[in-house]
Amino acid sequence: MNKRVYLLCMVIVAGGIFSSLAAQKNELRFRADKTFKIVQFTDIHYVPGNPASEEAIVCMTEVLDAEKPDFVIYTGDVIFEKPAREAFTAALQPVVDRNIPFGVVLGNHDDEFDMTRKEILDYLKTFPGNLTDEVTALSGVTNFILPVMDTEGEKEAALLYCIDSHAYSTLEGIKGYDWVKQDQINWYTTNSRNYTRKNRGKPLPALAFFHIPFPEYNQAACDETTLLIGSRLEKACSPELNTGLFTAFLEGKDVMATFVGHDHVNDYVTLWKGMLLCYGRFTGGNTVYNGLPGGNGARVIELKEGERGFRTWIRLKENQVINSIYFPNDSKK
């Protein structure tokens, strides 16, 4: 594996933030057949000592053995009880045992027990294969960008934006969940422009991962004229405020799709303004509410080098695969 470390340093003038981006030692790259496969686990809500959490371990084990991904992303609410170290260790073990690179974007519950977000990040960094990182002085903790290199390992061929969507509103008079902050959006925009400039003005195919869906998930799902594939058994629990992350993605022209968790009985994908808004599949056991037909599972995403598109599907128990689509072809009417 190519061990080169790429370092990109820039200044976000408007916010006065120094943003440094260093690719991890475990470099992600497309396979020889030009594919790159991602498994998304979400809302595991692992509770140490609770037998119901073993349902999640069985699920993750089956999915990993069937799909053999190149990268695993945990999109928040990994744990649901203390001790947090024990819970994170158990939830990560199936991936660590298989030597698969992984990243974590934290959810609203992960830091409610006996570790802060920063302490969780520091603990994640002790695991082999961890690619989770942070940007100093940026709102949130788990903000990082992972380039996927081409098959030769010579240049970036795709991007994975991983963003901390925080937990709960701290603004007086605004209830509910928190939102991605303006400095995070500026960070995305600056990096997106830099990667596009480096790629001779052509935006790289990109995906974005975070925990709490932004308000556009509800806008899209309520529009009877747009595509929706999968289960929608509850309204998206989005923030009351919209800070414009979706608009920034549209203007950046690189993000093809977003992937979230948070709402345990949603696993749909929906098309909105040319972008695919996706849920993962609830991966946890019966430690929290759930009830999707077919039980727990995972979302799988497969990129193809040189193509601005991807395949995605849901994998359930006993080799069941549902809701397989290819974007953008299958989204065209």
C-alpha atoms as a PDB file:
ATOM      1  CA  MET A   1       0.000   0.000   0.000  1.00  0.00           C
ATOM      2  CA  ASN A   2       1.253   3.464  -0.870  1.00  0.00           C
ATOM      3  CA  LYS A   3       2.193   5.160   2.403  1.00  0.00           C
ATOM      4  CA  ARG A   4       2.542   8.688   1.116  1.00  0.00           C
ATOM      5  CA  VAL A   5       0.966  11.312   3.301  1.00  0.00           C
ATOM      6  CA  TYR A   6      -0.680  14.215   1.548  1.00  0.00           C
ATOM      7  CA  LEU A   7      -0.828  17.467   3.443  1.00  0.00           C
ATOM      8  CA  LEU A   8      -3.067  20.308   2.405  1.00  0.00           C
ATOM      9  CA  CYS A   9      -2.992  23.509   4.454  1.00  0.00           C
ATOM     10  CA  MET A  10      -5.124  26.517   3.821  1.00  0.00           C
ATOM     11  CA  VAL A  11      -6.550  29.558   5.549  1.00  0.00           C
ATOM     12  CA  ILE A  12     -10.280  30.226   5.547  1.00  0.00           C
ATOM     13  CA  VAL A  13      -9.995  33.986   5.509  1.00  0.00           C
ATOM     14  CA  ALA A  14     -13.618  34.755   6.354  1.00  0.00           C
ATOM     15  CA  GLY A  15     -13.541  32.705   9.508  1.00  0.00           C
ATOM     16  CA  GLY A  16      -9.869  33.108  10.325  1.00  0.00           C
ATOM     17  CA  ILE A  17      -9.568  29.337  10.607  1.00  0.00           C
ATOM     18  CA  PHE A  18      -6.468  27.405   9.705  1.00  0.00           C
ATOM     19  CA  SER A  19      -7.666  24.144   8.157  1.00  0.00           C
ATOM     20  CA  SER A  20      -5.201  21.330   7.704  1.00  0.00           C
ATOM     21  CA  LEU A  21      -6.064  18.166   5.867  1.00  0.00           C
ATOM     22  CA  ALA A  22      -3.755  15.169   6.042  1.00  0.00           C
ATOM     23  CA  ALA A  23      -4.651  11.911   4.344  1.00  0.00           C
ATOM     24  CA  GLN A  24      -4.405   9.018   6.731  1.00  0.00           C
ATOM     25  CA  LYS A  25      -1.694   6.363   6.775  1.00  0.00           C
ATOM     26  CA  ASN A  26      -4.228   3.768   5.612  1.00  0.00           C
ATOM     27  CA  GLU A  27      -4.719   5.234   2.159  1.00  0.00           C
ATOM     28  CA  LEU A  28      -8.053   4.511   0.488  1.00  0.00           C
ATOM     29  CA  ARG A  29      -7.878   3.585  -3.176  1.00  0.00           C
ATOM     30  CA  PHE A  30      -9.928   1.995  -5.907  1.00  0.00           C
ATOM     31  CA  ARG A  31      -9.400  -1.713  -6.512  1.00  0.00           C
ATOM     32  CA  ALA A  32      -7.792  -3.099  -9.634  1.00  0.00           C
ATOM     33  CA  ASP A  33     -11.287  -3.570 -11.110  1.00  0.00           C
ATOM     34  CA  LYS A  34     -11.861   0.180 -10.488  1.00  0.00           C
ATOM     35  CA  THR A  35     -14.514  -0.318  -7.796  1.00  0.00           C
ATOM     36  CA  PHE A  36     -14.567   0.995  -4.236  1.00  0.00           C
ATOM     37  CA  LYS A  37     -17.104  -0.392  -1.776  1.00  0.00           C
ATOM     38  CA  ILE A  38     -18.366   1.294   1.379  1.00  0.00           C
ATOM     39  CA  VAL A  39     -20.546  -0.208   4.123  1.00  0.00           C
ATOM     40  CA  GLN A  40     -22.537   2.209   6.265  1.00  0.00           C
ATOM     41  CA  PHE A  41     -23.460   1.074   9.780  1.00  0.00           C
ATOM     42  CA  THR A  42     -25.738   3.399  11.689  1.00  0.00           C
ATOM     43  CA  ASP A  43     -27.470   3.690  15.066  1.00  0.00           C
ATOM     44  CA  ILE A  44     -25.982   0.578  16.627  1.00  0.00           C
ATOM     45  CA  HIS A  45     -26.869   1.905  20.113  1.00  0.00           C
ATOM     46  CA  TYR A  46     -24.612  -0.682  21.710  1.00  0.00           C
ATOM     47  CA  VAL A  47     -25.291  -1.373  25.393  1.00  0.00           C
ATOM     48  CA  PRO A  48     -22.573  -3.379  27.204  1.00  0.00           C
ATOM     49  CA  GLY A  49     -23.966  -6.498  28.842  1.00  0.00           C
ATOM     50  CA  ASN A  50     -27.303  -6.310  27.030  1.00  0.00           C
ATOM     51  CA  PRO A  51     -27.888  -9.488  24.964  1.00  0.00           C
ATOM     52  CA  ALA A  52     -29.946  -7.453  22.497  1.00  0.00           C
ATOM     53  CA  SER A  53     -26.768  -5.702  21.369  1.00  0.00           C
ATOM     54  CA  GLU A  54     -25.428  -9.018  20.088  1.00  0.00           C
ATOM     55  CA  GLU A  55     -28.033  -8.741  17.309  1.00  0.00           C
ATOM     56  CA  ALA A  56     -26.014  -5.805  16.011  1.00  0.00           C
ATOM     57  CA  ILE A  57     -22.747  -7.756  16.177  1.00  0.00           C
ATOM     58  CA  VAL A  58     -24.283 -10.643  14.247  1.00  0.00           C
ATOM     59  CA  CYS A  59     -25.655  -8.222  11.666  1.00  0.00           C
ATOM     60  CA  MET A  60     -22.330  -6.434  11.160  1.00  0.00           C
ATOM     61  CA  THR A  61     -20.459  -9.721  10.933  1.00  0.00           C
ATOM     62  CA  GLU A  62     -22.797 -11.085   8.254  1.00  0.00           C
ATOM     63  CA  VAL A  63     -22.680  -7.869   6.220  1.00  0.00           C
ATOM     64  CA  LEU A  64     -18.894  -7.571   6.337  1.00  0.00           C
ATOM     65  CA  ASP A  65     -18.355 -11.198   5.366  1.00  0.00           C
ATOM     66  CA  ALA A  66     -20.812 -10.935   2.487  1.00  0.00           C
ATOM     67  CA  GLU A  67     -19.718  -7.548   1.112  1.00  0.00           C
ATOM     68  CA  LYS A  68     -15.983  -7.398   1.949  1.00  0.00           C
ATOM     69  CA  PRO A  69     -15.905  -3.578   1.837  1.00  0.00           C
ATOM     70  CA  ASP A  70     -12.903  -1.331   1.327  1.00  0.00           C
ATOM     71  CA  PHE A  71     -14.124   1.118   3.968  1.00  0.00           C
ATOM     72  CA  VAL A  72     -16.741   1.238   6.741  1.00  0.00           C
ATOM     73  CA  ILE A  73     -18.421   4.421   7.955  1.00  0.00           C
ATOM     74  CA  TYR A  74     -20.324   4.535  11.250  1.00  0.00           C
ATOM     75  CA  THR A  75     -22.872   7.364  11.006  1.00  0.00           C
ATOM     76  CA  GLY A  76     -23.482   8.055  14.658  1.00  0.00           C
ATOM     77  CA  ASP A  77     -25.170   6.795  17.813  1.00  0.00           C
ATOM     78  CA  VAL A  78     -22.731   3.934  17.989  1.00  0.00           C
ATOM     79  CA  ILE A  79     -23.284   3.448  21.726  1.00  0.00           C
ATOM     80  CA  PHE A  80     -26.146   3.894  24.202  1.00  0.00           C
ATOM     81  CA  GLU A  81     -24.741   3.217  27.659  1.00  0.00           C
ATOM     82  CA  LYS A  82     -21.563   3.369  29.703  1.00  0.00           C
ATOM     83  CA  PRO A  83     -18.828   2.351  29.979  1.00  0.00           C
ATOM     84  CA  ALA A  84     -18.314   4.068  26.644  1.00  0.00           C
ATOM     85  CA  ARG A  85     -14.903   2.513  25.999  1.00  0.00           C
ATOM     86  CA  GLU A  86     -16.320  -0.981  26.347  1.00  0.00           C
ATOM     87  CA  ALA A  87     -19.280  -0.138  24.116  1.00  0.00           C
ATOM     88  CA  PHE A  88     -17.154   1.404  21.357  1.00  0.00           C
ATOM     89  CA  THR A  89     -14.699  -1.483  21.491  1.00  0.00           C
ATOM     90  CA  ALA A  90     -17.477  -4.023  20.985  1.00  0.00           C
ATOM     91  CA  ALA A  91     -19.160  -2.055  18.199  1.00  0.00           C
ATOM     92  CA  LEU A  92     -15.889  -1.599  16.287  1.00  0.00           C
ATOM     93  CA  GLN A  93     -14.581  -5.129  16.818  1.00  0.00           C
ATOM     94  CA  PRO A  94     -16.104  -6.802  13.729  1.00  0.00           C
ATOM     95  CA  VAL A  95     -14.436  -4.190  11.513  1.00  0.00           C
ATOM     96  CA  VAL A  96     -11.128  -4.115  13.400  1.00  0.00           C
ATOM     97  CA  ASP A  97     -10.907  -7.927  13.353  1.00  0.00           C
ATOM     98  CA  ARG A  98     -11.128  -7.851   9.542  1.00  0.00           C
ATOM     99  CA  ASN A  99      -8.507  -5.097   9.134  1.00  0.00           C
ATOM    100  CA  ILE A 100     -10.935  -2.803   7.311  1.00  0.00           C
ATOM    101  CA  PRO A 101     -10.303   0.961   7.398  1.00  0.00           C
ATOM    102  CA  PHE A 102     -13.151   2.803   9.127  1.00  0.00           C
ATOM    103  CA  GLY A 103     -14.371   6.242  10.113  1.00  0.00           C
ATOM    104  CA  VAL A 104     -16.930   7.521  12.612  1.00  0.00           C
ATOM    105  CA  VAL A 105     -19.116  10.620  12.587  1.00  0.00           C
ATOM    106  CA  LEU A 106     -20.631  11.044  16.031  1.00  0.00           C
ATOM    107  CA  GLY A 107     -24.359  11.194  16.732  1.00  0.00           C
ATOM    108  CA  ASN A 108     -26.388  13.004  19.367  1.00  0.00           C
ATOM    109  CA  HIS A 109     -26.201  10.154  21.899  1.00  0.00           C
ATOM    110  CA  ASP A 110     -22.550   9.073  21.735  1.00  0.00           C
ATOM    111  CA  ASP A 111     -21.246  11.604  24.267  1.00  0.00           C
ATOM    112  CA  GLU A 112     -24.125  11.346  26.759  1.00  0.00           C
ATOM    113  CA  PHE A 113     -22.417   8.821  29.004  1.00  0.00           C
ATOM    114  CA  ASP A 114     -18.892   8.895  30.450  1.00  0.00           C
ATOM    115  CA  MET A 115     -16.794  10.327  27.589  1.00  0.00           C
ATOM    116  CA  THR A 116     -16.788  13.696  25.832  1.00  0.00           C
ATOM    117  CA  ARG A 117     -16.693  13.913  22.044  1.00  0.00           C
ATOM    118  CA  LYS A 118     -13.005  14.757  22.157  1.00  0.00           C
ATOM    119  CA  GLU A 119     -12.287  11.832  24.489  1.00  0.00           C
ATOM    120  CA  ILE A 120     -14.180   9.536  22.122  1.00  0.00           C
ATOM    121  CA  LEU A 121     -12.122  10.764  19.169  1.00  0.00           C
ATOM    122  CA  ASP A 122      -8.878  10.217  21.060  1.00  0.00           C
ATOM    123  CA  TYR A 123      -9.991   6.685  21.897  1.00  0.00           C
ATOM    124  CA  LEU A 124     -10.975   5.949  18.296  1.00  0.00           C
ATOM    125  CA  LYS A 125      -7.468   6.931  17.226  1.00  0.00           C
ATOM    126  CA  THR A 126      -6.042   4.029  19.230  1.00  0.00           C
ATOM    127  CA  PHE A 127      -7.717   1.447  16.947  1.00  0.00           C
ATOM    128  CA  PRO A 128      -5.922   0.007  13.925  1.00  0.00           C
ATOM    129  CA  GLY A 129      -7.598   1.106  10.709  1.00  0.00           C
ATOM    130  CA  ASN A 130      -9.137   4.236  12.214  1.00  0.00           C
ATOM    131  CA  LEU A 131      -9.410   7.166   9.792  1.00  0.00           C
ATOM    132  CA  THR A 132     -11.586   9.372  11.999  1.00  0.00           C
ATOM    133  CA  ASP A 133     -10.034  12.806  12.461  1.00  0.00           C
ATOM    134  CA  GLU A 134     -10.802  16.408  13.332  1.00  0.00           C
ATOM    135  CA  VAL A 135     -10.019  19.914  12.170  1.00  0.00           C
ATOM    136  CA  THR A 136      -8.703  22.080  15.001  1.00  0.00           C
ATOM    137  CA  ALA A 137     -10.811  25.164  15.777  1.00  0.00           C
ATOM    138  CA  LEU A 138     -13.729  23.943  13.664  1.00  0.00           C
ATOM    139  CA  SER A 139     -17.146  23.413  15.257  1.00  0.00           C
ATOM    140  CA  GLY A 140     -17.648  19.785  16.224  1.00  0.00           C
ATOM    141  CA  VAL A 141     -15.105  17.017  16.493  1.00  0.00           C
ATOM    142  CA  THR A 142     -15.529  14.428  13.724  1.00  0.00           C
ATOM    143  CA  ASN A 143     -14.966  16.616  10.643  1.00  0.00           C
ATOM    144  CA  PHE A 144     -12.614  15.059   8.102  1.00  0.00           C
ATOM    145  CA  ILE A 145     -12.192  14.410   4.393  1.00  0.00           C
ATOM    146  CA  LEU A 146     -11.007  11.113   2.956  1.00  0.00           C
ATOM    147  CA  PRO A 147      -9.730  11.096  -0.620  1.00  0.00           C
ATOM    148  CA  VAL A 148     -10.098   7.815  -2.495  1.00  0.00           C
ATOM    149  CA  MET A 149      -7.076   7.455  -4.739  1.00  0.00           C
ATOM    150  CA  ASP A 150      -7.119   5.983  -8.228  1.00  0.00           C
ATOM    151  CA  THR A 151      -6.009   2.389  -8.799  1.00  0.00           C
ATOM    152  CA  GLU A 152      -2.383   3.477  -9.232  1.00  0.00           C
ATOM    153  CA  GLY A 153      -2.459   5.565  -6.064  1.00  0.00           C
ATOM    154  CA  GLU A 154      -1.288   8.629  -7.990  1.00  0.00           C
ATOM    155  CA  LYS A 155      -4.188  11.082  -7.676  1.00  0.00           C
ATOM    156  CA  GLU A 156      -7.514  11.624  -5.943  1.00  0.00           C
ATOM    157  CA  ALA A 157     -10.392   9.981  -7.810  1.00  0.00           C
ATOM    158  CA  ALA A 158     -13.245  10.534  -5.320  1.00  0.00           C
ATOM    159  CA  LEU A 159     -13.902  12.265  -1.994  1.00  0.00           C
ATOM    160  CA  LEU A 160     -15.693  11.289   1.203  1.00  0.00           C
ATOM    161  CA  TYR A 161     -16.774  14.289   3.301  1.00  0.00           C
ATOM    162  CA  CYS A 162     -17.449  13.329   6.928  1.00  0.00           C
ATOM    163  CA  ILE A 163     -19.168  15.973   9.050  1.00  0.00           C
ATOM    164  CA  ASP A 164     -20.112  16.328  12.718  1.00  0.00           C
ATOM    165  CA  SER A 165     -23.832  17.222  12.895  1.00  0.00           C
ATOM    166  CA  HIS A 166     -23.597  17.801  16.664  1.00  0.00           C
ATOM    167  CA  ALA A 167     -26.398  16.911  19.106  1.00  0.00           C
ATOM    168  CA  TYR A 168     -29.001  19.329  20.479  1.00  0.00           C
ATOM    169  CA  SER A 169     -29.766  23.001  19.978  1.00  0.00           C
ATOM    170  CA  THR A 170     -28.121  25.302  22.517  1.00  0.00           C
ATOM    171  CA  LEU A 171     -29.795  28.423  21.117  1.00  0.00           C
ATOM    172  CA  GLU A 172     -32.436  29.892  23.379  1.00  0.00           C
ATOM    173  CA  GLY A 173     -35.922  29.528  21.943  1.00  0.00           C
ATOM    174  CA  ILE A 174     -34.900  26.854  19.421  1.00  0.00           C
ATOM    175  CA  LYS A 175     -35.762  23.333  20.491  1.00  0.00           C
ATOM    176  CA  GLY A 176     -34.713  19.994  19.111  1.00  0.00           C
ATOM    177  CA  TYR A 177     -31.571  18.995  17.283  1.00  0.00           C
ATOM    178  CA  ASP A 178     -28.475  21.002  16.447  1.00  0.00           C
ATOM    179  CA  TRP A 179     -27.286  21.909  12.969  1.00  0.00           C
ATOM    180  CA  VAL A 180     -24.081  22.015  10.937  1.00  0.00           C
ATOM    181  CA  LYS A 181     -22.423  25.379  11.607  1.00  0.00           C
ATOM    182  CA  GLN A 182     -21.350  28.068   9.169  1.00  0.00           C
ATOM    183  CA  ASP A 183     -17.645  27.490   9.775  1.00  0.00           C
ATOM    184  CA  GLN A 184     -18.102  23.823   8.840  1.00  0.00           C
ATOM    185  CA  ILE A 185     -19.857  24.833   5.629  1.00  0.00           C
ATOM    186  CA  ASN A 186     -17.024  27.275   4.860  1.00  0.00           C
ATOM    187  CA  TRP A 187     -14.543  24.454   5.493  1.00  0.00           C
ATOM    188  CA  TYR A 188     -16.382  22.190   3.053  1.00  0.00           C
ATOM    189  CA  THR A 189     -16.611  24.937   0.428  1.00  0.00           C
ATOM    190  CA  THR A 190     -12.918  25.822   0.636  1.00  0.00           C
ATOM    191  CA  ASN A 191     -11.794  22.210   0.386  1.00  0.00           C
ATOM    192  CA  SER A 192     -14.244  21.462  -2.425  1.00  0.00           C
ATOM    193  CA  ARG A 193     -12.914  24.384  -4.459  1.00  0.00           C
ATOM    194  CA  ASN A 194      -9.312  23.380  -3.825  1.00  0.00           C
ATOM    195  CA  TYR A 195      -9.886  19.784  -4.934  1.00  0.00           C
ATOM    196  CA  THR A 196     -11.769  20.999  -8.022  1.00  0.00           C
ATOM    197  CA  ARG A 197      -8.964  23.401  -8.873  1.00  0.00           C
ATOM    198  CA  LYS A 198      -6.395  20.637  -8.425  1.00  0.00           C
ATOM    199  CA  ASN A 199      -8.478  18.448 -10.777  1.00  0.00           C
ATOM    200  CA  ARG A 200      -8.235  21.068 -13.544  1.00  0.00           C
ATOM    201  CA  GLY A 201     -11.603  22.607 -12.779  1.00  0.00           C
ATOM    202  CA  LYS A 202     -13.610  19.392 -12.764  1.00  0.00           C
ATOM    203  CA  PRO A 203     -15.358  18.503  -9.475  1.00  0.00           C
ATOM    204  CA  LEU A 204     -14.429  15.074  -8.140  1.00  0.00           C
ATOM    205  CA  PRO A 205     -17.273  12.622  -7.466  1.00  0.00           C
ATOM    206  CA  ALA A 206     -18.019  12.967  -3.759  1.00  0.00           C
ATOM    207  CA  LEU A 207     -20.267  11.588  -1.016  1.00  0.00           C
ATOM    208  CA  ALA A 208     -21.108  13.179   2.347  1.00  0.00           C
ATOM    209  CA  PHE A 209     -21.773  11.386   5.650  1.00  0.00           C
ATOM    210  CA  PHE A 210     -23.265  12.779   8.866  1.00  0.00           C
ATOM    211  CA  HIS A 211     -25.776  11.697  11.513  1.00  0.00           C
ATOM    212  CA  ILE A 212     -28.715  14.120  11.648  1.00  0.00           C
ATOM    213  CA  PRO A 213     -30.547  14.721   8.344  1.00  0.00           C
ATOM    214  CA  PHE A 214     -30.921  18.316   7.188  1.00  0.00           C
ATOM    215  CA  PRO A 215     -34.413  19.756   6.506  1.00  0.00           C
ATOM    216  CA  GLU A 216     -34.284  18.974   2.774  1.00  0.00           C
ATOM    217  CA  TYR A 217     -34.931  15.298   3.621  1.00  0.00           C
ATOM    218  CA  ASN A 218     -38.457  16.262   4.626  1.00  0.00           C
ATOM    219  CA  GLN A 219     -38.910  18.614   1.687  1.00  0.00           C
ATOM    220  CA  ALA A 220     -37.975  15.863  -0.746  1.00  0.00           C
ATOM    221  CA  ALA A 221     -39.980  13.094   0.944  1.00  0.00           C
ATOM    222  CA  CYS A 222     -43.125  15.241   0.967  1.00  0.00           C
ATOM    223  CA  ASP A 223     -42.903  16.049  -2.728  1.00  0.00           C
ATOM    224  CA  GLU A 224     -45.127  13.630  -4.620  1.00  0.00           C
ATOM    225  CA  THR A 225     -43.287  14.251  -7.882  1.00  0.00           C
ATOM    226  CA  THR A 226     -39.858  13.071  -6.747  1.00  0.00           C
ATOM    227  CA  LEU A 227     -38.279   9.634  -6.481  1.00  0.00           C
ATOM    228  CA  LEU A 228     -38.435   7.806  -3.139  1.00  0.00           C
ATOM    229  CA  ILE A 229     -37.266   4.205  -2.739  1.00  0.00           C
ATOM    230  CA  GLY A 230     -37.354   2.355   0.587  1.00  0.00           C
ATOM    231  CA  SER A 231     -39.168   2.722   3.899  1.00  0.00           C
ATOM    232  CA  ARG A 232     -40.251   6.047   5.394  1.00  0.00           C
ATOM    233  CA  LEU A 233     -42.034   5.282   8.646  1.00  0.00           C
ATOM    234  CA  GLU A 234     -41.309   8.566  10.416  1.00  0.00           C
ATOM    235  CA  LYS A 235     -40.685  12.189   9.610  1.00  0.00           C
ATOM    236  CA  ALA A 236     -37.012  13.113   9.393  1.00  0.00           C
ATOM    237  CA  CYS A 237     -35.973  14.508  12.789  1.00  0.00           C
ATOM    238  CA  SER A 238     -34.076  17.452  11.351  1.00  0.00           C
ATOM    239  CA  PRO A 239     -33.003  20.710  13.011  1.00  0.00           C
ATOM    240  CA  GLU A 240     -35.503  23.554  13.094  1.00  0.00           C
ATOM    241  CA  LEU A 241     -32.922  25.818  11.459  1.00  0.00           C
ATOM    242  CA  ASN A 242     -31.500  25.371   7.978  1.00  0.00           C
ATOM    243  CA  THR A 243     -27.945  26.677   7.679  1.00  0.00           C
ATOM    244  CA  GLY A 244     -27.544  25.902   3.979  1.00  0.00           C
ATOM    245  CA  LEU A 245     -25.388  22.780   3.866  1.00  0.00           C
ATOM    246  CA  PHE A 246     -27.477  21.271   1.061  1.00  0.00           C
ATOM    247  CA  THR A 247     -27.162  24.480  -0.956  1.00  0.00           C
ATOM    248  CA  ALA A 248     -23.403  24.504  -0.420  1.00  0.00           C
ATOM    249  CA  PHE A 249     -23.209  20.942  -1.758  1.00  0.00           C
ATOM    250  CA  LEU A 250     -25.219  21.925  -4.834  1.00  0.00           C
ATOM    251  CA  GLU A 251     -23.002  24.928  -5.471  1.00  0.00           C
ATOM    252  CA  GLY A 252     -19.852  22.859  -4.960  1.00  0.00           C
ATOM    253  CA  LYS A 253     -21.033  20.456  -7.690  1.00  0.00           C
ATOM    254  CA  ASP A 254     -19.059  17.543  -6.275  1.00  0.00           C
ATOM    255  CA  VAL A 255     -21.362  15.848  -3.721  1.00  0.00           C
ATOM    256  CA  MET A 256     -23.611  13.350  -5.481  1.00  0.00           C
ATOM    257  CA  ALA A 257     -25.368  12.052  -2.372  1.00  0.00           C
ATOM    258  CA  THR A 258     -25.646  12.382   1.387  1.00  0.00           C
ATOM    259  CA  PHE A 259     -25.929   9.511   3.883  1.00  0.00           C
ATOM    260  CA  VAL A 260     -27.393   9.880   7.382  1.00  0.00           C
ATOM    261  CA  GLY A 261     -28.853   7.832  10.227  1.00  0.00           C
ATOM    262  CA  HIS A 262     -30.726   9.100  13.307  1.00  0.00           C
ATOM    263  CA  ASP A 263     -34.247   7.998  12.335  1.00  0.00           C
ATOM    264  CA  HIS A 264     -34.411   4.281  13.004  1.00  0.00           C
ATOM    265  CA  VAL A 265     -37.395   3.354  10.840  1.00  0.00           C
ATOM    266  CA  ASN A 266     -36.304   5.163   7.684  1.00  0.00           C
ATOM    267  CA  ASP A 267     -34.004   3.606   5.099  1.00  0.00           C
ATOM    268  CA  TYR A 268     -35.123   5.399   1.953  1.00  0.00           C
ATOM    269  CA  VAL A 269     -33.306   7.284  -0.767  1.00  0.00           C
ATOM    270  CA  THR A 270     -34.969  10.294  -2.367  1.00  0.00           C
ATOM    271  CA  LEU A 271     -33.966  12.588  -5.186  1.00  0.00           C
ATOM    272  CA  TRP A 272     -33.881  16.332  -4.539  1.00  0.00           C
ATOM    273  CA  LYS A 273     -32.616  18.918  -7.018  1.00  0.00           C
ATOM    274  CA  GLY A 274     -30.408  16.317  -8.670  1.00  0.00           C
ATOM    275  CA  MET A 275     -28.841  15.030  -5.437  1.00  0.00           C
ATOM    276  CA  LEU A 276     -29.689  11.701  -3.812  1.00  0.00           C
ATOM    277  CA  LEU A 277     -30.554  12.030  -0.110  1.00  0.00           C
ATOM    278  CA  CYS A 278     -30.050   8.660   1.560  1.00  0.00           C
ATOM    279  CA  TYR A 279     -30.615   6.994   4.903  1.00  0.00           C
ATOM    280  CA  GLY A 280     -28.555   4.101   6.127  1.00  0.00           C
ATOM    281  CA  ARG A 281     -30.270   1.016   7.488  1.00  0.00           C
ATOM    282  CA  PHE A 282     -30.709   0.691  11.247  1.00  0.00           C
ATOM    283  CA  THR A 283     -27.949  -1.694  12.356  1.00  0.00           C
ATOM    284  CA  GLY A 284     -28.632  -2.008  16.075  1.00  0.00           C
ATOM    285  CA  GLY A 285     -30.477  -4.562  18.154  1.00  0.00           C
ATOM    286  CA  ASN A 286     -33.542  -4.115  20.335  1.00  0.00           C
ATOM    287  CA  THR A 287     -31.890  -1.638  22.706  1.00  0.00           C
ATOM    288  CA  VAL A 288     -33.887   1.242  21.177  1.00  0.00           C
ATOM    289  CA  TYR A 289     -36.982   1.701  19.018  1.00  0.00           C
ATOM    290  CA  ASN A 290     -36.872   0.118  15.579  1.00  0.00           C
ATOM    291  CA  GLY A 291     -39.192  -1.927  13.392  1.00  0.00           C
ATOM    292  CA  LEU A 292     -38.232  -1.821   9.743  1.00  0.00           C
ATOM    293  CA  PRO A 293     -39.602  -4.804   7.784  1.00  0.00           C
ATOM    294  CA  GLY A 294     -36.838  -7.396   7.504  1.00  0.00           C
ATOM    295  CA  GLY A 295     -34.966  -6.337  10.648  1.00  0.00           C
ATOM    296  CA  ASN A 296     -31.614  -4.635  11.001  1.00  0.00           C
ATOM    297  CA  GLY A 297     -28.997  -4.323   8.270  1.00  0.00           C
ATOM    298  CA  ALA A 298     -26.651  -1.929   6.504  1.00  0.00           C
ATOM    299  CA  ARG A 299     -26.409   0.279   3.449  1.00  0.00           C
ATOM    300  CA  VAL A 300     -23.771  -0.558   0.863  1.00  0.00           C
ATOM    301  CA  ILE A 301     -22.362   1.928  -1.652  1.00  0.00           C
ATOM    302  CA  GLU A 302     -20.131   1.076  -4.604  1.00  0.00           C
ATOM    303  CA  LEU A 303     -18.239   3.721  -6.539  1.00  0.00           C
ATOM    304  CA  LYS A 304     -16.659   3.176  -9.943  1.00  0.00           C
ATOM    305  CA  GLU A 305     -13.449   4.998 -10.777  1.00  0.00           C
ATOM    306  CA  GLY A 306     -13.929   7.576 -13.511  1.00  0.00           C
ATOM    307  CA  GLU A 307     -17.725   7.614 -13.208  1.00  0.00           C
ATOM    308  CA  ARG A 308     -19.911  10.276 -11.653  1.00  0.00           C
ATOM    309  CA  GLY A 309     -22.348   7.786 -10.192  1.00  0.00           C
ATOM    310  CA  PHE A 310     -22.649   4.871  -7.794  1.00  0.00           C
ATOM    311  CA  ARG A 311     -24.660   1.798  -6.924  1.00  0.00           C
ATOM    312  CA  THR A 312     -26.308   1.443  -3.535  1.00  0.00           C
ATOM    313  CA  TRP A 313     -28.387  -1.239  -1.839  1.00  0.00           C
ATOM    314  CA  ILE A 314     -29.513  -2.508   1.558  1.00  0.00           C
ATOM    315  CA  ARG A 315     -28.172  -5.799   2.881  1.00  0.00           C
ATOM    316  CA  LEU A 316     -30.226  -7.694   5.457  1.00  0.00           C
ATOM    317  CA  LYS A 317     -29.848 -11.035   7.183  1.00  0.00           C
ATOM    318  CA  GLU A 318     -29.367 -14.321   5.355  1.00  0.00           C
ATOM    319  CA  ASN A 319     -27.983 -12.739   2.173  1.00  0.00           C
ATOM    320  CA  GLN A 320     -31.059 -10.630   1.474  1.00  0.00           C
ATOM    321  CA  VAL A 321     -30.440  -7.606  -0.750  1.00  0.00           C
ATOM    322  CA  ILE A 322     -33.168  -5.020  -1.299  1.00  0.00           C
ATOM    323  CA  ASN A 323     -33.677  -1.622  -2.927  1.00  0.00           C
ATOM    324  CA  SER A 324     -30.687  -1.748  -5.242  1.00  0.00           C
ATOM    325  CA  ILE A 325     -30.359   1.282  -7.518  1.00  0.00           C
ATOM    326  CA  TYR A 326     -27.758   2.920  -9.719  1.00  0.00           C
ATOM    327  CA  PHE A 327     -27.487   6.682  -9.449  1.00  0.00           C
ATOM    328  CA  PRO A 328     -28.057   8.690 -11.571  1.00  0.00           C
ATOM    329  CA  ASN A 329     -29.567   6.345 -14.174  1.00  0.00           C
ATOM    330  CA  ASP A 330     -32.322   4.874 -12.001  1.00  0.00           C
ATOM    331  CA  SER A 331     -33.328   8.321 -10.744  1.00  0.00           C
ATOM    332  CA  LYS A 332     -34.229   9.617 -14.190  1.00  0.00           C
ATOM    333  CA  LYS A 333     -37.900   9.674 -15.088  1.00  0.00           C
END
